[in-house]
Amino acid sequence: MAAEQDPEALAAARPLLTDLYQATMALGYWNAGRAREQAEFELFFRGCPFGGAFALAAGLRDCVRFLRAFRLQDADVQFLASVLPPDTDPAFFEHLRALDCSDVTVRALPEGSLAFPGVPLLQVCGPLLVVQLLETPLLCLVSYASLIATNASRLRLIAGPKKRLLEMGLRRAQGPDGGLTASTYSYLGGFDGSSNVLAGQLRGVPLAGTLAHSFITSFLGTEVPPDPMLAPAASQGPRVDLAACAEAWLDRVCAHLGLGVQEPHRGERAAFVAYALAFPRAFQGLLDTYSVQRSGLPNFLAVALALGELGYRAVGVRLDSGDLLQQAQEIRRVFRSISAQFQMPWLESVSITVSNNIDEEELTRLAQEGSEVNVIGIGTNVVTCPRQPSLGCVYKLVSVGGQPRMKLTEDPEKQTLPGSKAAFRLLGADGSPLLDLLQLAEEAPPRAGQELRVWPRGAQGACRVRPAHLCEPLPSLAESRAFAQLSLSRLSPEHKQLQQPAPYRVALSDKLQALVARLRAGGSS
């Protein structure tokens, strides 16, 4: 795909987004005459993030774009020549110039799948030199995307299905690439939209955003709008001076709320009028610039009611400080009272949005029964993943020339599983995941209803399972998002709980377990 025809390709990683040792190993393979040997690597993680029992697989779409575009340009090869030994065979650099991924095969969990420790997210097969060079960029593309998607899915589970979640973390993200990745994969993980315009342009993520405190504080109240007149929503009838209409409504609102008409800030009201003139069908007020109860709320109501007279409906308010839950309840109470007083029934259901460093604990509070919050904006705590900043994915060699390879180490957790493998998700009768089965690619696939003897990882011995179903894969970003939410809905409650969940089982087939035992006993050769 040409970059000009595919906006997402503009976000693709470049071949030299890698570690130097990938290039030095490539030279080593070349000198050893092994550059074209067939090899297979697996990309997986060893432990579930955030103390949970699952992760969401993400980043596959970026990996595919990277692999399609992979080609070392002359400038790339010249730079590598400057950092490798000066007596390097020039033929090596000619080989690099000709490299692409046409001989590389990738098998992967579908974007948005539930993922568990040790189960490959990607299986990459191709010429040894090339698939070695792919290690760092693939890890970079998958690890953070999966971490973000998992973090977002946890926040969605806490919020429940009815609250709207907005990602607003671009200014807090780890650089532009991190910001785009976070906006993309928080949407996959269950958020409803993002403030990131580039994510909307390149990835089709739904956008949301209104105004900041700076817009409000920029007005003093002495400004005269170039054109304060607004036509009715139905375009029938005379145009009305919105500012004058809002002033008239302010008197009535303040009288009902027991406020002096001089208490609400003039500049804030002028800002609301200016914004309403620009967006009469999408007016939203930010209430906490000065005082929510004495200024922001009455000013919002004055402008919203003036718009209502003309047939427009304000879409909401936002709070960005203080006790968000309590303030939302107080605002909803005022909305109901004003709605009844002035016969404006639509005002009762005006949306209340909150933001301000919301984490899992505060989100739990905002999502509780009886909360009047409708929309929750989260920034820092979704894009930076403060509870765990890295997923810790690894990319390990499992076969060369059709022969299994296994890493034997002093740390049992870092030992790898040898051989080219197939992974199957076994489902129970209710459709929930039972366990993930890893077996050698040469083995016959399991069948629904078939009794299997398997070896759960970490257990002392084998056990028998009988799956009712086998998982069938599915995956555009919106489809992956829907798939992710469907996958989460099928996860059993004991694995879905965010604190101290029951571990999900990953098991080995008899044949794979026997291969592991043989290689452990005889070394990795």
Protein backbone atom coordinates (compact mmCIF):
# COMPACT_ATOMS: atom_id res chain seq x y z
CA MET A 1 0.00 0.00 0.00
CA ALA A 2 1.36 3.44 -0.89
CA ALA A 3 1.61 5.84 2.03
CA GLU A 4 -0.45 8.48 0.19
CA GLN A 5 -3.27 5.92 -0.20
CA ASP A 6 -3.08 4.67 3.36
CA PRO A 7 -3.02 7.40 6.05
CA GLU A 8 -2.13 4.83 8.73
CA ALA A 9 1.13 4.03 6.91
CA LEU A 10 2.34 7.48 7.92
CA ALA A 11 2.52 6.17 11.48
CA ALA A 12 4.51 3.03 10.57
CA ALA A 13 7.81 2.35 12.30
CA ARG A 14 11.07 2.50 10.33
CA PRO A 15 13.53 -0.44 9.95
CA LEU A 16 16.25 1.26 12.02
CA LEU A 17 13.91 1.64 14.98
CA THR A 18 15.88 -1.23 16.48
CA ASP A 19 18.72 -2.15 18.82
CA LEU A 20 22.28 -2.17 17.54
CA TYR A 21 22.78 -5.81 18.47
CA GLN A 22 20.19 -6.84 15.88
CA ALA A 23 22.54 -5.44 13.21
CA THR A 24 25.64 -7.03 14.75
CA MET A 25 23.88 -10.42 14.94
CA ALA A 26 22.78 -10.00 11.32
CA LEU A 27 26.43 -9.58 10.33
CA GLY A 28 27.30 -12.62 12.42
CA TYR A 29 24.69 -14.75 10.67
CA TRP A 30 25.94 -13.49 7.29
CA ASN A 31 29.56 -14.32 8.03
CA ALA A 32 28.51 -17.78 9.27
CA GLY A 33 26.61 -18.47 6.06
CA ARG A 34 23.32 -18.76 7.94
CA ALA A 35 21.43 -15.66 6.73
CA ARG A 36 18.85 -17.65 4.75
CA GLU A 37 18.23 -20.52 7.19
CA GLN A 38 14.56 -20.83 8.08
CA ALA A 39 13.88 -19.83 11.68
CA GLU A 40 10.86 -19.17 13.87
CA PHE A 41 10.48 -16.75 16.76
CA GLU A 42 7.59 -16.31 19.20
CA LEU A 43 6.54 -13.03 20.81
CA PHE A 44 4.80 -13.44 24.16
CA PHE A 45 4.70 -12.10 27.72
CA ARG A 46 5.48 -13.97 30.94
CA GLY A 47 3.06 -12.39 33.42
CA CYS A 48 -0.31 -10.64 33.20
CA PRO A 49 -0.13 -6.87 33.76
CA PHE A 50 -1.59 -4.86 36.64
CA GLY A 51 -1.95 -7.92 38.88
CA GLY A 52 -4.81 -9.17 36.70
CA ALA A 53 -5.46 -12.49 35.00
CA PHE A 54 -5.61 -11.39 31.35
CA ALA A 55 -4.27 -9.04 28.71
CA LEU A 56 -5.62 -7.85 25.38
CA ALA A 57 -3.52 -8.52 22.28
CA ALA A 58 -2.99 -5.32 20.29
CA GLY A 59 -0.60 -3.75 17.81
CA LEU A 60 -1.07 -6.33 15.05
CA ARG A 61 -2.30 -3.74 12.54
CA ASP A 62 0.88 -1.70 13.12
CA CYS A 63 3.05 -4.80 12.74
CA VAL A 64 1.45 -5.69 9.42
CA ARG A 65 2.01 -2.18 8.08
CA PHE A 66 5.61 -2.24 9.28
CA LEU A 67 6.30 -5.59 7.62
CA ARG A 68 4.70 -4.52 4.34
CA ALA A 69 6.81 -1.36 4.22
CA PHE A 70 10.05 -2.93 5.54
CA ARG A 71 12.92 -1.93 3.28
CA LEU A 72 16.31 -0.48 4.19
CA GLN A 73 16.95 2.70 2.24
CA ASP A 74 20.41 3.73 1.00
CA ALA A 75 20.75 6.19 3.89
CA ASP A 76 19.90 3.39 6.36
CA VAL A 77 22.54 1.05 4.91
CA GLN A 78 25.14 3.83 4.81
CA PHE A 79 24.51 4.56 8.49
CA LEU A 80 24.86 0.89 9.43
CA ALA A 81 28.14 0.79 7.51
CA SER A 82 29.37 3.68 9.68
CA VAL A 83 28.73 1.79 12.95
CA LEU A 84 29.82 -1.72 11.87
CA PRO A 85 33.48 -2.73 11.44
CA PRO A 86 35.16 -0.91 8.51
CA ASP A 87 36.36 -4.20 6.99
CA THR A 88 32.80 -5.60 6.71
CA ASP A 89 32.25 -7.41 3.40
CA PRO A 90 30.46 -4.97 1.01
CA ALA A 91 28.31 -7.90 -0.13
CA PHE A 92 26.67 -7.85 3.31
CA PHE A 93 25.42 -4.32 2.71
CA GLU A 94 24.16 -5.26 -0.74
CA HIS A 95 22.22 -8.08 0.94
CA LEU A 96 20.70 -5.57 3.37
CA ARG A 97 19.64 -3.30 0.48
CA ALA A 98 17.71 -6.18 -1.08
CA LEU A 99 15.92 -7.24 2.13
CA ASP A 100 12.17 -7.18 2.49
CA CYS A 101 9.61 -9.34 4.29
CA SER A 102 8.23 -11.18 1.28
CA ASP A 103 9.56 -14.47 2.69
CA VAL A 104 8.30 -13.79 6.23
CA THR A 105 5.17 -15.49 7.56
CA VAL A 106 3.38 -14.18 10.64
CA ARG A 107 0.69 -15.98 12.62
CA ALA A 108 -0.98 -13.92 15.31
CA LEU A 109 -3.78 -13.70 17.81
CA PRO A 110 -6.51 -11.55 16.25
CA GLU A 111 -6.40 -7.91 17.34
CA GLY A 112 -8.44 -7.55 20.52
CA SER A 113 -8.11 -11.19 21.63
CA LEU A 114 -7.72 -12.16 25.24
CA ALA A 115 -4.07 -13.08 25.76
CA PHE A 116 -2.40 -15.07 28.52
CA PRO A 117 1.20 -15.69 29.68
CA GLY A 118 3.31 -17.89 27.43
CA VAL A 119 0.81 -17.99 24.58
CA PRO A 120 2.34 -16.39 21.47
CA LEU A 121 0.87 -13.09 20.37
CA LEU A 122 2.98 -13.38 17.21
CA GLN A 123 4.77 -16.33 15.59
CA VAL A 124 7.29 -15.05 13.03
CA CYS A 125 8.85 -17.42 10.52
CA GLY A 126 11.35 -16.64 7.74
CA PRO A 127 15.06 -16.26 6.90
CA LEU A 128 17.07 -16.12 10.13
CA LEU A 129 18.78 -12.79 9.41
CA VAL A 130 15.51 -11.02 8.56
CA VAL A 131 13.39 -12.36 11.42
CA GLN A 132 16.18 -11.48 13.84
CA LEU A 133 16.15 -7.87 12.58
CA LEU A 134 12.39 -7.73 13.24
CA GLU A 135 12.68 -8.45 16.97
CA THR A 136 12.94 -4.97 18.47
CA PRO A 137 10.43 -3.15 16.24
CA LEU A 138 7.82 -5.88 16.69
CA LEU A 139 8.29 -5.84 20.46
CA CYS A 140 8.01 -2.05 20.41
CA LEU A 141 4.81 -2.15 18.36
CA VAL A 142 3.07 -4.91 20.33
CA SER A 143 4.10 -4.38 23.96
CA TYR A 144 2.84 -0.83 24.55
CA ALA A 145 -0.26 -1.27 22.38
CA SER A 146 -1.26 -4.39 24.35
CA LEU A 147 -0.51 -2.71 27.67
CA ILE A 148 -2.68 0.30 26.77
CA ALA A 149 -5.53 -1.86 25.48
CA THR A 150 -5.42 -3.94 28.66
CA ASN A 151 -5.35 -0.86 30.89
CA ALA A 152 -8.29 0.62 29.00
CA SER A 153 -10.23 -2.63 29.27
CA ARG A 154 -9.78 -2.67 33.05
CA LEU A 155 -11.12 0.89 33.25
CA ARG A 156 -14.06 -0.13 31.06
CA LEU A 157 -14.83 -3.10 33.33
CA ILE A 158 -14.87 -0.75 36.33
CA ALA A 159 -16.99 1.88 34.59
CA GLY A 160 -19.53 -0.63 33.32
CA PRO A 161 -21.22 -0.51 29.92
CA LYS A 162 -23.30 2.67 30.36
CA LYS A 163 -20.71 5.33 31.23
CA ARG A 164 -18.92 6.97 28.29
CA LEU A 165 -15.13 6.92 28.63
CA LEU A 166 -12.97 9.47 26.80
CA GLU A 167 -9.18 9.29 26.49
CA MET A 168 -7.69 12.76 27.02
CA GLY A 169 -4.03 11.95 27.65
CA LEU A 170 -2.11 13.21 24.62
CA ARG A 171 -0.41 16.00 26.57
CA ARG A 172 0.67 13.49 29.22
CA ALA A 173 1.85 10.76 26.82
CA GLN A 174 5.44 9.60 26.27
CA GLY A 175 5.98 11.56 23.08
CA PRO A 176 3.98 11.84 19.85
CA ASP A 177 4.21 8.13 18.96
CA GLY A 178 3.14 7.14 22.45
CA GLY A 179 0.24 9.57 22.26
CA LEU A 180 -1.03 8.16 18.97
CA THR A 181 -0.63 4.57 20.17
CA ALA A 182 -2.45 5.34 23.44
CA SER A 183 -5.37 7.01 21.69
CA THR A 184 -5.70 4.16 19.20
CA TYR A 185 -5.52 1.26 21.60
CA SER A 186 -7.46 2.79 24.48
CA TYR A 187 -10.31 2.89 21.94
CA LEU A 188 -9.73 -0.77 21.13
CA GLY A 189 -9.75 -1.53 24.85
CA GLY A 190 -13.22 -0.06 25.35
CA PHE A 191 -13.01 3.74 25.48
CA ASP A 192 -15.61 5.59 23.40
CA GLY A 193 -13.39 8.27 21.90
CA SER A 194 -10.31 10.46 22.20
CA SER A 195 -9.30 14.11 22.16
CA ASN A 196 -6.40 13.25 19.80
CA VAL A 197 -7.17 14.71 16.37
CA LEU A 198 -4.37 12.76 14.65
CA ALA A 199 -5.85 9.50 15.94
CA GLY A 200 -9.11 10.55 14.33
CA GLN A 201 -7.42 11.38 11.04
CA LEU A 202 -5.13 8.35 10.80
CA ARG A 203 -7.00 5.69 12.75
CA GLY A 204 -10.67 6.69 12.60
CA VAL A 205 -10.95 6.99 16.40
CA PRO A 206 -14.12 8.99 17.31
CA LEU A 207 -13.19 12.47 18.54
CA ALA A 208 -14.51 14.46 21.49
CA GLY A 209 -13.60 17.85 22.95
CA THR A 210 -15.00 21.27 23.73
CA LEU A 211 -13.17 24.04 25.57
CA ALA A 212 -10.55 24.69 28.25
CA HIS A 213 -10.33 27.12 31.15
CA SER A 214 -8.08 29.37 29.04
CA PHE A 215 -10.99 30.07 26.67
CA ILE A 216 -13.12 31.20 29.58
CA THR A 217 -10.48 33.29 31.36
CA SER A 218 -9.66 35.05 28.09
CA PHE A 219 -13.02 36.88 28.32
CA LEU A 220 -13.65 39.81 30.66
CA GLY A 221 -17.28 40.39 29.79
CA THR A 222 -16.65 43.71 28.06
CA GLU A 223 -16.18 42.10 24.65
CA VAL A 224 -18.80 42.80 21.98
CA PRO A 225 -19.47 39.83 19.65
CA PRO A 226 -19.19 40.78 15.96
CA ASP A 227 -22.59 39.18 15.45
CA PRO A 228 -24.53 38.30 18.61
CA MET A 229 -27.63 37.32 16.63
CA LEU A 230 -28.69 33.68 16.35
CA ALA A 231 -31.45 32.25 14.17
CA PRO A 232 -33.88 29.69 15.63
CA ALA A 233 -32.90 26.04 15.22
CA ALA A 234 -35.79 25.47 12.83
CA SER A 235 -34.61 28.49 10.73
CA GLN A 236 -38.05 30.05 11.02
CA GLY A 237 -38.58 33.33 12.82
CA PRO A 238 -36.41 36.36 13.52
CA ARG A 239 -32.81 36.16 14.69
CA VAL A 240 -32.29 36.84 18.41
CA ASP A 241 -29.52 38.59 20.34
CA LEU A 242 -28.25 35.57 22.29
CA ALA A 243 -26.23 37.62 24.80
CA ALA A 244 -29.24 39.80 25.68
CA CYS A 245 -31.48 36.74 25.91
CA ALA A 246 -28.98 35.05 28.26
CA GLU A 247 -28.91 38.16 30.49
CA ALA A 248 -32.69 38.03 30.78
CA TRP A 249 -32.56 34.35 31.70
CA LEU A 250 -29.81 35.00 34.24
CA ASP A 251 -32.18 37.17 36.31
CA ARG A 252 -34.70 34.34 36.48
CA VAL A 253 -32.12 31.63 37.21
CA CYS A 254 -30.44 33.63 40.00
CA ALA A 255 -33.80 34.40 41.58
CA HIS A 256 -34.64 30.69 41.62
CA LEU A 257 -31.25 29.71 43.03
CA GLY A 258 -31.17 32.49 45.61
CA LEU A 259 -28.12 34.19 44.08
CA GLY A 260 -27.42 37.85 43.45
CA VAL A 261 -27.39 38.62 39.74
CA GLN A 262 -23.90 40.13 40.15
CA GLU A 263 -22.38 36.92 41.53
CA PRO A 264 -21.90 34.95 38.27
CA HIS A 265 -18.70 36.04 36.50
CA ARG A 266 -19.39 38.31 33.47
CA GLY A 267 -16.36 37.08 31.55
CA GLU A 268 -17.38 33.45 32.00
CA ARG A 269 -20.87 34.23 30.72
CA ALA A 270 -19.42 36.07 27.71
CA ALA A 271 -17.25 33.02 26.97
CA PHE A 272 -20.27 30.72 27.13
CA VAL A 273 -22.22 33.01 24.78
CA ALA A 274 -19.30 33.12 22.33
CA TYR A 275 -19.02 29.33 22.38
CA ALA A 276 -22.77 28.90 22.01
CA LEU A 277 -22.79 31.22 18.99
CA ALA A 278 -20.08 29.06 17.41
CA PHE A 279 -21.68 25.73 18.43
CA PRO A 280 -25.39 26.29 19.10
CA ARG A 281 -26.14 22.58 18.54
CA ALA A 282 -23.23 21.34 20.65
CA PHE A 283 -23.00 23.80 23.54
CA GLN A 284 -21.21 22.49 26.61
CA GLY A 285 -20.12 24.49 29.63
CA LEU A 286 -16.97 24.05 31.70
CA LEU A 287 -18.24 24.99 35.14
CA ASP A 288 -15.31 25.20 37.57
CA THR A 289 -13.22 28.13 36.30
CA TYR A 290 -14.41 30.41 39.11
CA SER A 291 -17.14 28.82 41.25
CA VAL A 292 -19.38 25.98 40.15
CA GLN A 293 -22.45 26.89 42.22
CA ARG A 294 -22.18 30.68 42.23
CA SER A 295 -20.92 31.27 38.70
CA GLY A 296 -20.39 28.37 36.30
CA LEU A 297 -23.73 26.69 36.83
CA PRO A 298 -25.98 29.80 36.70
CA ASN A 299 -24.06 31.14 33.69
CA PHE A 300 -24.43 27.82 31.90
CA LEU A 301 -28.14 27.67 32.70
CA ALA A 302 -28.71 31.23 31.44
CA VAL A 303 -27.08 30.48 28.08
CA ALA A 304 -28.60 26.98 27.80
CA LEU A 305 -32.10 28.29 28.47
CA ALA A 306 -31.60 31.11 25.96
CA LEU A 307 -30.60 28.48 23.40
CA GLY A 308 -33.58 26.36 24.46
CA GLU A 309 -35.95 29.20 23.64
CA LEU A 310 -34.60 29.07 20.09
CA GLY A 311 -35.05 25.32 19.82
CA TYR A 312 -31.45 24.24 20.56
CA ARG A 313 -30.43 21.75 23.25
CA ALA A 314 -27.24 22.14 25.27
CA VAL A 315 -25.31 18.86 25.25
CA GLY A 316 -23.63 18.97 28.64
CA VAL A 317 -21.38 20.37 31.32
CA ARG A 318 -17.90 19.41 32.48
CA LEU A 319 -16.24 19.46 35.91
CA ASP A 320 -12.46 19.35 36.26
CA SER A 321 -11.85 19.81 40.00
CA GLY A 322 -13.23 19.16 43.45
CA ASP A 323 -15.39 16.26 44.60
CA LEU A 324 -16.66 15.19 41.20
CA LEU A 325 -19.25 12.70 42.44
CA GLN A 326 -20.85 15.08 44.95
CA GLN A 327 -20.83 18.04 42.57
CA ALA A 328 -22.45 15.97 39.84
CA GLN A 329 -25.27 15.05 42.22
CA GLU A 330 -25.77 18.69 43.20
CA ILE A 331 -25.78 19.80 39.54
CA ARG A 332 -28.32 17.13 38.57
CA ARG A 333 -30.55 18.29 41.43
CA VAL A 334 -30.38 21.88 40.12
CA PHE A 335 -31.07 20.70 36.55
CA ARG A 336 -34.24 18.95 37.72
CA SER A 337 -35.37 21.94 39.73
CA ILE A 338 -34.78 24.43 36.89
CA SER A 339 -36.38 22.04 34.40
CA ALA A 340 -39.57 21.88 36.47
CA GLN A 341 -39.60 25.61 37.22
CA PHE A 342 -39.29 26.75 33.60
CA GLN A 343 -40.93 23.82 31.80
CA MET A 344 -37.75 22.71 30.03
CA PRO A 345 -37.88 18.88 30.41
CA TRP A 346 -34.78 18.26 28.24
CA LEU A 347 -32.63 19.98 30.88
CA GLU A 348 -33.05 17.09 33.33
CA SER A 349 -30.96 14.76 31.19
CA VAL A 350 -28.15 17.11 30.14
CA SER A 351 -24.93 15.08 30.26
CA ILE A 352 -22.41 15.62 33.07
CA THR A 353 -18.76 15.00 32.17
CA VAL A 354 -15.96 14.82 34.72
CA SER A 355 -12.18 14.76 34.47
CA ASN A 356 -9.19 15.38 36.77
CA ASN A 357 -6.55 12.69 37.31
CA ILE A 358 -9.08 9.86 37.52
CA ASP A 359 -7.58 6.48 38.43
CA GLU A 360 -9.14 3.05 39.06
CA GLU A 361 -10.13 3.93 42.63
CA GLU A 362 -11.82 7.23 41.71
CA LEU A 363 -13.46 5.60 38.69
CA THR A 364 -14.95 2.94 40.97
CA ARG A 365 -16.46 5.74 43.03
CA LEU A 366 -17.80 7.61 40.00
CA ALA A 367 -19.34 4.44 38.54
CA GLN A 368 -21.25 3.45 41.69
CA GLU A 369 -25.02 3.07 41.77
CA GLY A 370 -26.74 6.46 41.95
CA SER A 371 -23.88 8.39 40.38
CA GLU A 372 -25.08 11.24 38.15
CA VAL A 373 -21.90 11.24 36.06
CA ASN A 374 -22.46 10.33 32.41
CA VAL A 375 -19.06 10.82 30.77
CA ILE A 376 -15.59 10.34 32.28
CA GLY A 377 -12.44 11.76 30.75
CA ILE A 378 -9.19 10.00 31.69
CA GLY A 379 -5.72 11.12 30.65
CA THR A 380 -2.58 10.34 32.65
CA ASN A 381 -3.88 7.12 34.17
CA VAL A 382 -4.69 5.51 30.84
CA VAL A 383 -1.80 6.65 28.62
CA THR A 384 1.08 6.25 31.13
CA CYS A 385 -0.16 3.02 32.78
CA PRO A 386 1.28 4.10 36.16
CA ARG A 387 0.42 0.80 37.88
CA GLN A 388 2.74 -1.02 35.45
CA PRO A 389 4.61 0.93 32.76
CA SER A 390 5.70 -2.08 30.68
CA LEU A 391 4.15 -5.39 29.64
CA GLY A 392 7.54 -7.08 29.34
CA CYS A 393 7.00 -8.91 26.07
CA VAL A 394 9.86 -11.09 24.81
CA TYR A 395 10.77 -12.48 21.37
CA LYS A 396 12.38 -15.91 21.55
CA LEU A 397 13.83 -18.33 19.02
CA VAL A 398 11.96 -21.67 18.99
CA SER A 399 13.29 -23.41 15.88
CA VAL A 400 16.03 -23.19 13.22
CA GLY A 401 16.08 -25.34 10.10
CA GLY A 402 13.06 -27.22 11.40
CA GLN A 403 14.87 -28.24 14.60
CA PRO A 404 13.51 -27.09 17.98
CA ARG A 405 15.51 -24.63 20.06
CA MET A 406 15.07 -24.05 23.77
CA LYS A 407 16.60 -21.51 26.13
CA LEU A 408 17.80 -23.26 29.31
CA THR A 409 18.55 -20.86 32.13
CA GLU A 410 19.04 -20.70 35.87
CA ASP A 411 15.66 -18.95 36.15
CA PRO A 412 12.88 -21.49 35.37
CA GLU A 413 10.47 -18.66 34.50
CA LYS A 414 12.80 -17.63 31.65
CA GLN A 415 13.02 -21.07 30.07
CA THR A 416 11.34 -21.12 26.66
CA LEU A 417 9.09 -23.71 25.02
CA PRO A 418 10.75 -25.30 21.99
CA GLY A 419 9.47 -25.98 18.51
CA SER A 420 6.97 -24.58 16.05
CA LYS A 421 3.64 -24.59 17.85
CA ALA A 422 -0.09 -24.14 17.39
CA ALA A 423 -2.26 -22.54 20.07
CA PHE A 424 -5.91 -23.36 20.72
CA ARG A 425 -8.38 -21.75 23.10
CA LEU A 426 -10.65 -24.36 24.63
CA LEU A 427 -14.08 -23.17 25.69
CA GLY A 428 -16.49 -24.53 28.26
CA ALA A 429 -20.16 -25.27 27.68
CA ASP A 430 -21.11 -21.67 28.59
CA GLY A 431 -18.68 -20.25 26.03
CA SER A 432 -16.18 -18.97 28.58
CA PRO A 433 -12.47 -19.75 28.06
CA LEU A 434 -11.44 -22.96 29.80
CA LEU A 435 -7.72 -22.98 29.04
CA ASP A 436 -5.23 -22.26 26.25
CA LEU A 437 -3.53 -25.34 24.82
CA LEU A 438 -0.07 -25.15 23.27
CA GLN A 439 0.97 -28.09 21.10
CA LEU A 440 3.50 -28.83 18.40
CA ALA A 441 2.41 -27.71 14.92
CA GLU A 442 2.66 -31.30 13.67
CA GLU A 443 0.02 -32.55 16.13
CA ALA A 444 -3.59 -33.00 15.09
CA PRO A 445 -5.77 -30.13 16.31
CA PRO A 446 -8.06 -30.85 19.27
CA ARG A 447 -11.77 -31.37 18.66
CA ALA A 448 -14.80 -30.19 20.59
CA GLY A 449 -15.93 -32.96 22.95
CA GLN A 450 -12.59 -34.78 22.78
CA GLU A 451 -10.99 -35.65 26.12
CA LEU A 452 -7.44 -34.32 26.26
CA ARG A 453 -4.58 -35.00 28.61
CA VAL A 454 -2.73 -31.71 29.12
CA TRP A 455 0.04 -30.29 31.30
CA PRO A 456 -0.92 -26.97 32.93
CA ARG A 457 2.12 -24.72 33.22
CA GLY A 458 3.29 -24.43 36.81
CA ALA A 459 1.46 -27.59 37.88
CA GLN A 460 3.19 -30.80 38.98
CA GLY A 461 1.38 -33.17 36.65
CA ALA A 462 -1.11 -33.69 33.88
CA CYS A 463 -4.88 -33.32 33.99
CA ARG A 464 -7.75 -34.15 31.66
CA VAL A 465 -10.12 -31.65 30.04
CA ARG A 466 -13.01 -31.96 27.61
CA PRO A 467 -13.73 -28.68 25.75
CA ALA A 468 -17.26 -28.01 24.56
CA HIS A 469 -16.08 -25.63 21.82
CA LEU A 470 -12.94 -24.34 20.12
CA CYS A 471 -12.45 -20.59 19.78
CA GLU A 472 -12.92 -19.23 16.25
CA PRO A 473 -10.98 -16.03 15.43
CA LEU A 474 -12.57 -12.89 14.15
CA PRO A 475 -11.12 -9.26 13.32
CA SER A 476 -10.61 -2.31 11.02
CA LEU A 477 -10.07 -0.91 14.48
CA ALA A 478 -13.79 -0.73 15.24
CA GLU A 479 -14.20 -4.48 14.57
CA SER A 480 -11.24 -5.26 16.83
CA ARG A 481 -12.75 -3.06 19.54
CA ALA A 482 -16.04 -4.95 19.31
CA PHE A 483 -14.12 -8.24 19.38
CA ALA A 484 -12.20 -7.14 22.47
CA GLN A 485 -15.41 -6.29 24.33
CA LEU A 486 -16.95 -9.60 23.27
CA SER A 487 -13.84 -11.47 24.45
CA LEU A 488 -13.96 -9.73 27.83
CA SER A 489 -17.67 -10.49 28.22
CA ARG A 490 -16.91 -14.20 27.83
CA LEU A 491 -14.16 -14.23 30.46
CA SER A 492 -15.35 -15.86 33.66
CA PRO A 493 -15.82 -13.57 36.69
CA GLU A 494 -12.98 -15.24 38.61
CA HIS A 495 -10.53 -14.30 35.86
CA LYS A 496 -12.12 -10.90 35.17
CA GLN A 497 -11.81 -9.50 38.69
CA LEU A 498 -9.09 -6.85 38.88
CA GLN A 499 -7.78 -7.61 42.34
CA GLN A 500 -6.40 -11.08 43.17
CA PRO A 501 -7.98 -12.91 40.22
CA ALA A 502 -7.74 -16.65 39.75
CA PRO A 503 -4.90 -17.44 37.29
CA TYR A 504 -5.98 -18.55 33.85
CA ARG A 505 -4.53 -21.93 32.81
CA VAL A 506 -2.16 -22.39 29.90
CA ALA A 507 -1.30 -26.03 29.26
CA LEU A 508 1.01 -28.11 27.07
CA SER A 509 0.09 -31.14 25.04
CA ASP A 510 1.66 -34.52 25.88
CA LYS A 511 4.00 -34.29 22.89
CA LEU A 512 5.19 -30.75 23.65
CA GLN A 513 5.69 -31.64 27.32
CA ALA A 514 7.80 -34.64 26.27
CA LEU A 515 9.93 -32.45 23.99
CA VAL A 516 10.50 -29.96 26.81
CA ALA A 517 11.55 -32.76 29.17
CA ARG A 518 13.93 -34.24 26.59
CA LEU A 519 15.64 -30.92 25.86
CA ARG A 520 15.93 -30.08 29.54
CA ALA A 521 17.63 -33.40 30.13
CA GLY A 522 19.96 -33.21 27.14
CA GLY A 523 20.64 -29.48 26.66
CA SER A 524 19.37 -27.20 23.91
CA SER A 525 21.39 -28.61 21.00
